Amino acid sequence: MKNITYISLLFLLFTACKPTSTIVTSKDLAVKKGLYSEPKPTTNTTAKYTEKIKKNKSQDLALKQNTTQKTIGLNHKNDDDIVIENEEASYLIKQLINSASDNLGVGYRPGGTTKSGFDCSGLVYSTFKKFDITLPRSSHEMATVGTKVDLSNAKKGDLIFFINRGRRINHVGMVIEVNNDEVKFIHSSTQSGVIISSTREPYYNRTFVQINRILM
């Protein structure tokens, strides 16, 4: 009798200490057992959340479009841009000068038309092309378009041509500033890449040929 009672007590004790299948010690386990699910937002919350996503997407799209416009188009807010105070210069000429000036310091590259390197006509060609103005590709061909003007009548945006070897025009730049008898121009030189030079420099004073006006 005592043995039976003892065995019964042991059985009850073992049963009471055995873990049950409903005991959950972590959220992951609860999810696995199907005892827990993430709370779903109410209809009102869902609507607000959806609206917020749409708003964020719209803002992102607007930002991308704005960035694209700044990258491709008009660089009139750069701190390093050349300031053109002459109000007679058209907005397009200002932007041509600013666009060309963005390439200052880029090295010389024969046949180059990108920031990887420019030759003289490549710099002028790509600058005007950015604003949908297609010029001939070589400097001597560029010299055949537009209207020739005297050096004393040079204006910003005009093209300036030189002969530094041979008998035909082989170098071109774009006028960016005129001060009395001095004309400053941006161009890509074989030695220094894209730089600004002046007709007061003996070399360019000696090799100067003509100025053509493309934009009236």
C-alpha atoms as a PDB file:
ATOM      1  CA  MET A   1       0.000   0.000   0.000  1.00  0.00           C
ATOM      2  CA  LYS A   2       2.796   2.393   0.903  1.00  0.00           C
ATOM      3  CA  ASN A   3       4.555   1.525  -2.354  1.00  0.00           C
ATOM      4  CA  ILE A   4       1.447   2.381  -4.404  1.00  0.00           C
ATOM      5  CA  THR A   5       1.028   5.691  -2.590  1.00  0.00           C
ATOM      6  CA  TYR A   6       4.699   6.515  -3.138  1.00  0.00           C
ATOM      7  CA  ILE A   7       4.518   5.733  -6.864  1.00  0.00           C
ATOM      8  CA  SER A   8       1.373   7.864  -7.201  1.00  0.00           C
ATOM      9  CA  LEU A   9       3.058  10.839  -5.575  1.00  0.00           C
ATOM     10  CA  LEU A  10       6.075  10.516  -7.881  1.00  0.00           C
ATOM     11  CA  PHE A  11       3.771  10.403 -10.928  1.00  0.00           C
ATOM     12  CA  LEU A  12       1.911  13.536  -9.832  1.00  0.00           C
ATOM     13  CA  LEU A  13       5.183  15.358  -9.157  1.00  0.00           C
ATOM     14  CA  PHE A  14       6.603  14.419 -12.587  1.00  0.00           C
ATOM     15  CA  THR A  15       3.444  15.469 -14.366  1.00  0.00           C
ATOM     16  CA  ALA A  16       3.347  18.840 -12.589  1.00  0.00           C
ATOM     17  CA  CYS A  17       6.975  19.644 -13.531  1.00  0.00           C
ATOM     18  CA  LYS A  18       6.708  18.643 -17.229  1.00  0.00           C
ATOM     19  CA  PRO A  19       6.709  21.715 -19.531  1.00  0.00           C
ATOM     20  CA  THR A  20       3.523  22.175 -21.519  1.00  0.00           C
ATOM     21  CA  SER A  21       3.305  22.933 -25.246  1.00  0.00           C
ATOM     22  CA  THR A  22       1.668  26.303 -24.586  1.00  0.00           C
ATOM     23  CA  ILE A  23       4.680  27.824 -22.825  1.00  0.00           C
ATOM     24  CA  VAL A  24       6.326  30.442 -25.119  1.00  0.00           C
ATOM     25  CA  THR A  25       9.598  32.090 -24.200  1.00  0.00           C
ATOM     26  CA  SER A  26      10.127  34.382 -27.229  1.00  0.00           C
ATOM     27  CA  LYS A  27       8.252  36.397 -29.817  1.00  0.00           C
ATOM     28  CA  ASP A  28       9.739  34.314 -32.611  1.00  0.00           C
ATOM     29  CA  LEU A  29       8.435  31.153 -31.066  1.00  0.00           C
ATOM     30  CA  ALA A  30       5.021  32.725 -30.612  1.00  0.00           C
ATOM     31  CA  VAL A  31       4.922  33.633 -34.278  1.00  0.00           C
ATOM     32  CA  LYS A  32       5.918  30.076 -35.242  1.00  0.00           C
ATOM     33  CA  LYS A  33       3.172  28.647 -33.110  1.00  0.00           C
ATOM     34  CA  GLY A  34       0.641  31.027 -34.570  1.00  0.00           C
ATOM     35  CA  LEU A  35       0.090  32.690 -31.218  1.00  0.00           C
ATOM     36  CA  TYR A  36       1.299  36.118 -32.306  1.00  0.00           C
ATOM     37  CA  SER A  37       0.892  38.292 -35.355  1.00  0.00           C
ATOM     38  CA  GLU A  38       1.970  41.850 -36.047  1.00  0.00           C
ATOM     39  CA  PRO A  39      -0.831  44.299 -35.282  1.00  0.00           C
ATOM     40  CA  LYS A  40      -2.421  45.638 -38.468  1.00  0.00           C
ATOM     41  CA  PRO A  41      -2.899  49.404 -38.792  1.00  0.00           C
ATOM     42  CA  THR A  42      -6.406  50.705 -38.856  1.00  0.00           C
ATOM     43  CA  THR A  43      -7.913  51.892 -42.127  1.00  0.00           C
ATOM     44  CA  ASN A  44      -7.230  55.495 -41.179  1.00  0.00           C
ATOM     45  CA  THR A  45      -3.618  54.752 -40.307  1.00  0.00           C
ATOM     46  CA  THR A  46      -3.143  52.822 -43.536  1.00  0.00           C
ATOM     47  CA  ALA A  47      -4.522  55.684 -45.581  1.00  0.00           C
ATOM     48  CA  LYS A  48      -2.198  58.179 -43.903  1.00  0.00           C
ATOM     49  CA  TYR A  49       0.766  55.882 -44.405  1.00  0.00           C
ATOM     50  CA  THR A  50      -0.048  55.362 -48.096  1.00  0.00           C
ATOM     51  CA  GLU A  51      -0.471  59.081 -48.584  1.00  0.00           C
ATOM     52  CA  LYS A  52       2.880  59.715 -46.908  1.00  0.00           C
ATOM     53  CA  ILE A  53       4.600  57.255 -49.252  1.00  0.00           C
ATOM     54  CA  LYS A  54       3.025  58.933 -52.286  1.00  0.00           C
ATOM     55  CA  LYS A  55       4.120  62.335 -51.005  1.00  0.00           C
ATOM     56  CA  ASN A  56       7.679  61.135 -50.431  1.00  0.00           C
ATOM     57  CA  LYS A  57       7.811  59.611 -53.916  1.00  0.00           C
ATOM     58  CA  SER A  58       6.566  62.853 -55.441  1.00  0.00           C
ATOM     59  CA  GLN A  59       9.194  64.836 -53.530  1.00  0.00           C
ATOM     60  CA  ASP A  60      11.926  62.421 -54.610  1.00  0.00           C
ATOM     61  CA  LEU A  61      10.832  62.692 -58.252  1.00  0.00           C
ATOM     62  CA  ALA A  62      10.767  66.485 -58.068  1.00  0.00           C
ATOM     63  CA  LEU A  63      14.242  66.484 -56.490  1.00  0.00           C
ATOM     64  CA  LYS A  64      15.608  64.217 -59.227  1.00  0.00           C
ATOM     65  CA  GLN A  65      14.082  66.387 -61.955  1.00  0.00           C
ATOM     66  CA  ASN A  66      15.475  69.516 -60.332  1.00  0.00           C
ATOM     67  CA  THR A  67      18.914  67.924 -60.048  1.00  0.00           C
ATOM     68  CA  THR A  68      18.788  66.849 -63.695  1.00  0.00           C
ATOM     69  CA  GLN A  69      17.878  70.346 -64.793  1.00  0.00           C
ATOM     70  CA  LYS A  70      20.760  71.824 -62.831  1.00  0.00           C
ATOM     71  CA  THR A  71      23.165  69.248 -64.243  1.00  0.00           C
ATOM     72  CA  ILE A  72      22.137  69.643 -67.861  1.00  0.00           C
ATOM     73  CA  GLY A  73      21.071  73.237 -68.146  1.00  0.00           C
ATOM     74  CA  LEU A  74      21.739  76.683 -66.870  1.00  0.00           C
ATOM     75  CA  ASN A  75      24.608  77.186 -64.480  1.00  0.00           C
ATOM     76  CA  HIS A  76      23.799  80.683 -63.285  1.00  0.00           C
ATOM     77  CA  LYS A  77      24.121  80.108 -59.543  1.00  0.00           C
ATOM     78  CA  ASN A  78      27.634  78.751 -59.236  1.00  0.00           C
ATOM     79  CA  ASP A  79      29.865  80.718 -56.898  1.00  0.00           C
ATOM     80  CA  ASP A  80      32.821  80.367 -59.243  1.00  0.00           C
ATOM     81  CA  ASP A  81      30.985  81.560 -62.348  1.00  0.00           C
ATOM     82  CA  ILE A  82      32.318  84.578 -64.165  1.00  0.00           C
ATOM     83  CA  VAL A  83      30.074  87.511 -63.274  1.00  0.00           C
ATOM     84  CA  ILE A  84      28.802  89.319 -66.349  1.00  0.00           C
ATOM     85  CA  GLU A  85      27.648  92.802 -65.395  1.00  0.00           C
ATOM     86  CA  ASN A  86      26.960  94.051 -68.913  1.00  0.00           C
ATOM     87  CA  GLU A  87      23.181  93.804 -69.151  1.00  0.00           C
ATOM     88  CA  GLU A  88      23.340  93.985 -72.937  1.00  0.00           C
ATOM     89  CA  ALA A  89      24.791  90.463 -73.025  1.00  0.00           C
ATOM     90  CA  SER A  90      21.963  88.005 -73.580  1.00  0.00           C
ATOM     91  CA  TYR A  91      21.089  85.339 -71.054  1.00  0.00           C
ATOM     92  CA  LEU A  92      22.173  82.659 -73.526  1.00  0.00           C
ATOM     93  CA  ILE A  93      25.634  84.177 -73.899  1.00  0.00           C
ATOM     94  CA  LYS A  94      25.979  84.295 -70.117  1.00  0.00           C
ATOM     95  CA  GLN A  95      25.180  80.609 -69.936  1.00  0.00           C
ATOM     96  CA  LEU A  96      27.557  79.734 -72.759  1.00  0.00           C
ATOM     97  CA  ILE A  97      30.350  81.463 -70.858  1.00  0.00           C
ATOM     98  CA  ASN A  98      29.388  79.814 -67.569  1.00  0.00           C
ATOM     99  CA  SER A  99      29.165  76.405 -69.217  1.00  0.00           C
ATOM    100  CA  ALA A 100      32.593  76.737 -70.841  1.00  0.00           C
ATOM    101  CA  SER A 101      34.054  78.038 -67.563  1.00  0.00           C
ATOM    102  CA  ASP A 102      32.891  74.886 -65.781  1.00  0.00           C
ATOM    103  CA  ASN A 103      35.658  73.122 -67.725  1.00  0.00           C
ATOM    104  CA  LEU A 104      38.548  75.316 -66.595  1.00  0.00           C
ATOM    105  CA  GLY A 105      41.477  73.085 -65.676  1.00  0.00           C
ATOM    106  CA  VAL A 106      40.389  70.149 -67.844  1.00  0.00           C
ATOM    107  CA  GLY A 107      43.344  68.836 -69.823  1.00  0.00           C
ATOM    108  CA  TYR A 108      43.940  68.984 -73.562  1.00  0.00           C
ATOM    109  CA  ARG A 109      42.978  65.962 -75.626  1.00  0.00           C
ATOM    110  CA  PRO A 110      43.089  65.751 -79.453  1.00  0.00           C
ATOM    111  CA  GLY A 111      39.539  65.279 -80.736  1.00  0.00           C
ATOM    112  CA  GLY A 112      38.168  65.576 -77.197  1.00  0.00           C
ATOM    113  CA  THR A 113      34.689  66.950 -76.499  1.00  0.00           C
ATOM    114  CA  THR A 114      34.170  65.897 -72.869  1.00  0.00           C
ATOM    115  CA  LYS A 115      35.622  66.514 -69.415  1.00  0.00           C
ATOM    116  CA  SER A 116      38.052  63.704 -70.157  1.00  0.00           C
ATOM    117  CA  GLY A 117      39.794  66.287 -72.316  1.00  0.00           C
ATOM    118  CA  PHE A 118      39.101  68.907 -75.000  1.00  0.00           C
ATOM    119  CA  ASP A 119      40.841  70.174 -78.062  1.00  0.00           C
ATOM    120  CA  CYS A 120      40.196  73.835 -78.916  1.00  0.00           C
ATOM    121  CA  SER A 121      37.282  73.311 -81.295  1.00  0.00           C
ATOM    122  CA  GLY A 122      35.937  70.471 -79.142  1.00  0.00           C
ATOM    123  CA  LEU A 123      35.459  72.840 -76.207  1.00  0.00           C
ATOM    124  CA  VAL A 124      33.615  75.417 -78.334  1.00  0.00           C
ATOM    125  CA  TYR A 125      31.596  72.771 -80.191  1.00  0.00           C
ATOM    126  CA  SER A 126      30.413  70.964 -77.039  1.00  0.00           C
ATOM    127  CA  THR A 127      29.630  74.252 -75.237  1.00  0.00           C
ATOM    128  CA  PHE A 128      27.322  75.484 -77.996  1.00  0.00           C
ATOM    129  CA  LYS A 129      25.893  71.992 -78.576  1.00  0.00           C
ATOM    130  CA  LYS A 130      24.695  71.897 -74.966  1.00  0.00           C
ATOM    131  CA  PHE A 131      22.327  74.717 -75.908  1.00  0.00           C
ATOM    132  CA  ASP A 132      21.220  73.089 -79.166  1.00  0.00           C
ATOM    133  CA  ILE A 133      23.517  75.192 -81.359  1.00  0.00           C
ATOM    134  CA  THR A 134      25.462  72.967 -83.731  1.00  0.00           C
ATOM    135  CA  LEU A 135      28.694  74.420 -85.074  1.00  0.00           C
ATOM    136  CA  PRO A 136      31.154  72.807 -87.496  1.00  0.00           C
ATOM    137  CA  ARG A 137      33.572  70.537 -85.675  1.00  0.00           C
ATOM    138  CA  SER A 138      36.934  72.031 -86.717  1.00  0.00           C
ATOM    139  CA  SER A 139      38.276  75.510 -86.015  1.00  0.00           C
ATOM    140  CA  HIS A 140      38.869  76.425 -89.679  1.00  0.00           C
ATOM    141  CA  GLU A 141      35.291  75.397 -90.530  1.00  0.00           C
ATOM    142  CA  MET A 142      33.919  77.358 -87.570  1.00  0.00           C
ATOM    143  CA  ALA A 143      35.647  80.401 -89.015  1.00  0.00           C
ATOM    144  CA  THR A 144      33.308  80.216 -92.016  1.00  0.00           C
ATOM    145  CA  VAL A 145      30.068  80.643 -90.038  1.00  0.00           C
ATOM    146  CA  GLY A 146      28.569  83.718 -88.415  1.00  0.00           C
ATOM    147  CA  THR A 147      29.584  87.295 -89.214  1.00  0.00           C
ATOM    148  CA  LYS A 148      33.134  88.624 -89.085  1.00  0.00           C
ATOM    149  CA  VAL A 149      33.611  91.652 -86.831  1.00  0.00           C
ATOM    150  CA  ASP A 150      36.581  93.853 -86.058  1.00  0.00           C
ATOM    151  CA  LEU A 151      38.599  93.125 -82.950  1.00  0.00           C
ATOM    152  CA  SER A 152      37.600  96.544 -81.630  1.00  0.00           C
ATOM    153  CA  ASN A 153      33.915  95.509 -81.840  1.00  0.00           C
ATOM    154  CA  ALA A 154      34.337  92.139 -80.122  1.00  0.00           C
ATOM    155  CA  LYS A 155      31.609  91.090 -77.685  1.00  0.00           C
ATOM    156  CA  LYS A 156      31.136  88.282 -75.202  1.00  0.00           C
ATOM    157  CA  GLY A 157      30.138  85.050 -76.883  1.00  0.00           C
ATOM    158  CA  ASP A 158      32.021  85.807 -80.114  1.00  0.00           C
ATOM    159  CA  LEU A 159      34.457  83.247 -81.460  1.00  0.00           C
ATOM    160  CA  ILE A 160      38.099  84.281 -81.782  1.00  0.00           C
ATOM    161  CA  PHE A 161      40.450  82.570 -84.226  1.00  0.00           C
ATOM    162  CA  PHE A 162      44.209  82.163 -84.552  1.00  0.00           C
ATOM    163  CA  ILE A 163      46.832  80.669 -86.852  1.00  0.00           C
ATOM    164  CA  ASN A 164      49.735  79.302 -84.851  1.00  0.00           C
ATOM    165  CA  ARG A 165      51.152  77.110 -87.592  1.00  0.00           C
ATOM    166  CA  GLY A 166      50.675  76.690 -91.318  1.00  0.00           C
ATOM    167  CA  ARG A 167      48.499  79.035 -93.356  1.00  0.00           C
ATOM    168  CA  ARG A 168      44.966  78.304 -92.257  1.00  0.00           C
ATOM    169  CA  ILE A 169      43.066  78.865 -89.016  1.00  0.00           C
ATOM    170  CA  ASN A 170      43.808  76.082 -86.546  1.00  0.00           C
ATOM    171  CA  HIS A 171      42.841  77.488 -83.142  1.00  0.00           C
ATOM    172  CA  VAL A 172      39.604  78.883 -81.685  1.00  0.00           C
ATOM    173  CA  GLY A 173      38.339  80.236 -78.396  1.00  0.00           C
ATOM    174  CA  MET A 174      35.272  82.055 -77.098  1.00  0.00           C
ATOM    175  CA  VAL A 175      35.334  85.674 -75.952  1.00  0.00           C
ATOM    176  CA  ILE A 176      34.320  86.051 -72.302  1.00  0.00           C
ATOM    177  CA  GLU A 177      35.362  89.627 -71.540  1.00  0.00           C
ATOM    178  CA  VAL A 178      36.201  92.830 -73.383  1.00  0.00           C
ATOM    179  CA  ASN A 179      38.085  95.686 -71.684  1.00  0.00           C
ATOM    180  CA  ASN A 180      38.884  98.506 -74.090  1.00  0.00           C
ATOM    181  CA  ASP A 181      41.609  97.064 -76.330  1.00  0.00           C
ATOM    182  CA  GLU A 182      41.922  93.776 -74.422  1.00  0.00           C
ATOM    183  CA  VAL A 183      39.903  90.695 -75.289  1.00  0.00           C
ATOM    184  CA  LYS A 184      39.877  87.737 -72.906  1.00  0.00           C
ATOM    185  CA  PHE A 185      38.856  84.348 -74.214  1.00  0.00           C
ATOM    186  CA  ILE A 186      38.454  80.803 -72.960  1.00  0.00           C
ATOM    187  CA  HIS A 187      40.043  78.021 -74.957  1.00  0.00           C
ATOM    188  CA  SER A 188      41.813  74.692 -74.706  1.00  0.00           C
ATOM    189  CA  SER A 189      45.559  75.009 -75.265  1.00  0.00           C
ATOM    190  CA  THR A 190      47.815  72.069 -76.007  1.00  0.00           C
ATOM    191  CA  GLN A 191      50.111  72.937 -73.095  1.00  0.00           C
ATOM    192  CA  SER A 192      47.677  73.912 -70.318  1.00  0.00           C
ATOM    193  CA  GLY A 193      44.241  72.574 -71.284  1.00  0.00           C
ATOM    194  CA  VAL A 194      41.198  74.789 -70.711  1.00  0.00           C
ATOM    195  CA  ILE A 195      42.368  78.240 -69.649  1.00  0.00           C
ATOM    196  CA  ILE A 196      41.562  81.929 -70.071  1.00  0.00           C
ATOM    197  CA  SER A 197      43.987  83.980 -72.153  1.00  0.00           C
ATOM    198  CA  SER A 198      44.232  87.556 -73.438  1.00  0.00           C
ATOM    199  CA  THR A 199      44.986  89.220 -76.744  1.00  0.00           C
ATOM    200  CA  ARG A 200      47.520  91.319 -74.832  1.00  0.00           C
ATOM    201  CA  GLU A 201      49.713  88.262 -74.512  1.00  0.00           C
ATOM    202  CA  PRO A 202      52.401  88.565 -77.237  1.00  0.00           C
ATOM    203  CA  TYR A 203      51.792  85.066 -78.601  1.00  0.00           C
ATOM    204  CA  TYR A 204      48.046  85.521 -79.110  1.00  0.00           C
ATOM    205  CA  ASN A 205      48.439  89.106 -80.290  1.00  0.00           C
ATOM    206  CA  ARG A 206      50.804  87.849 -82.967  1.00  0.00           C
ATOM    207  CA  THR A 207      48.733  84.847 -84.085  1.00  0.00           C
ATOM    208  CA  PHE A 208      45.274  86.490 -83.997  1.00  0.00           C
ATOM    209  CA  VAL A 209      43.314  86.299 -87.267  1.00  0.00           C
ATOM    210  CA  GLN A 210      39.635  87.159 -86.870  1.00  0.00           C
ATOM    211  CA  ILE A 211      36.499  87.284 -84.721  1.00  0.00           C
ATOM    212  CA  ASN A 212      33.146  85.815 -85.761  1.00  0.00           C
ATOM    213  CA  ARG A 213      29.800  86.648 -84.192  1.00  0.00           C
ATOM    214  CA  ILE A 214      27.515  83.636 -83.959  1.00  0.00           C
ATOM    215  CA  LEU A 215      24.779  85.132 -81.811  1.00  0.00           C
ATOM    216  CA  MET A 216      23.411  88.506 -82.836  1.00  0.00           C
END
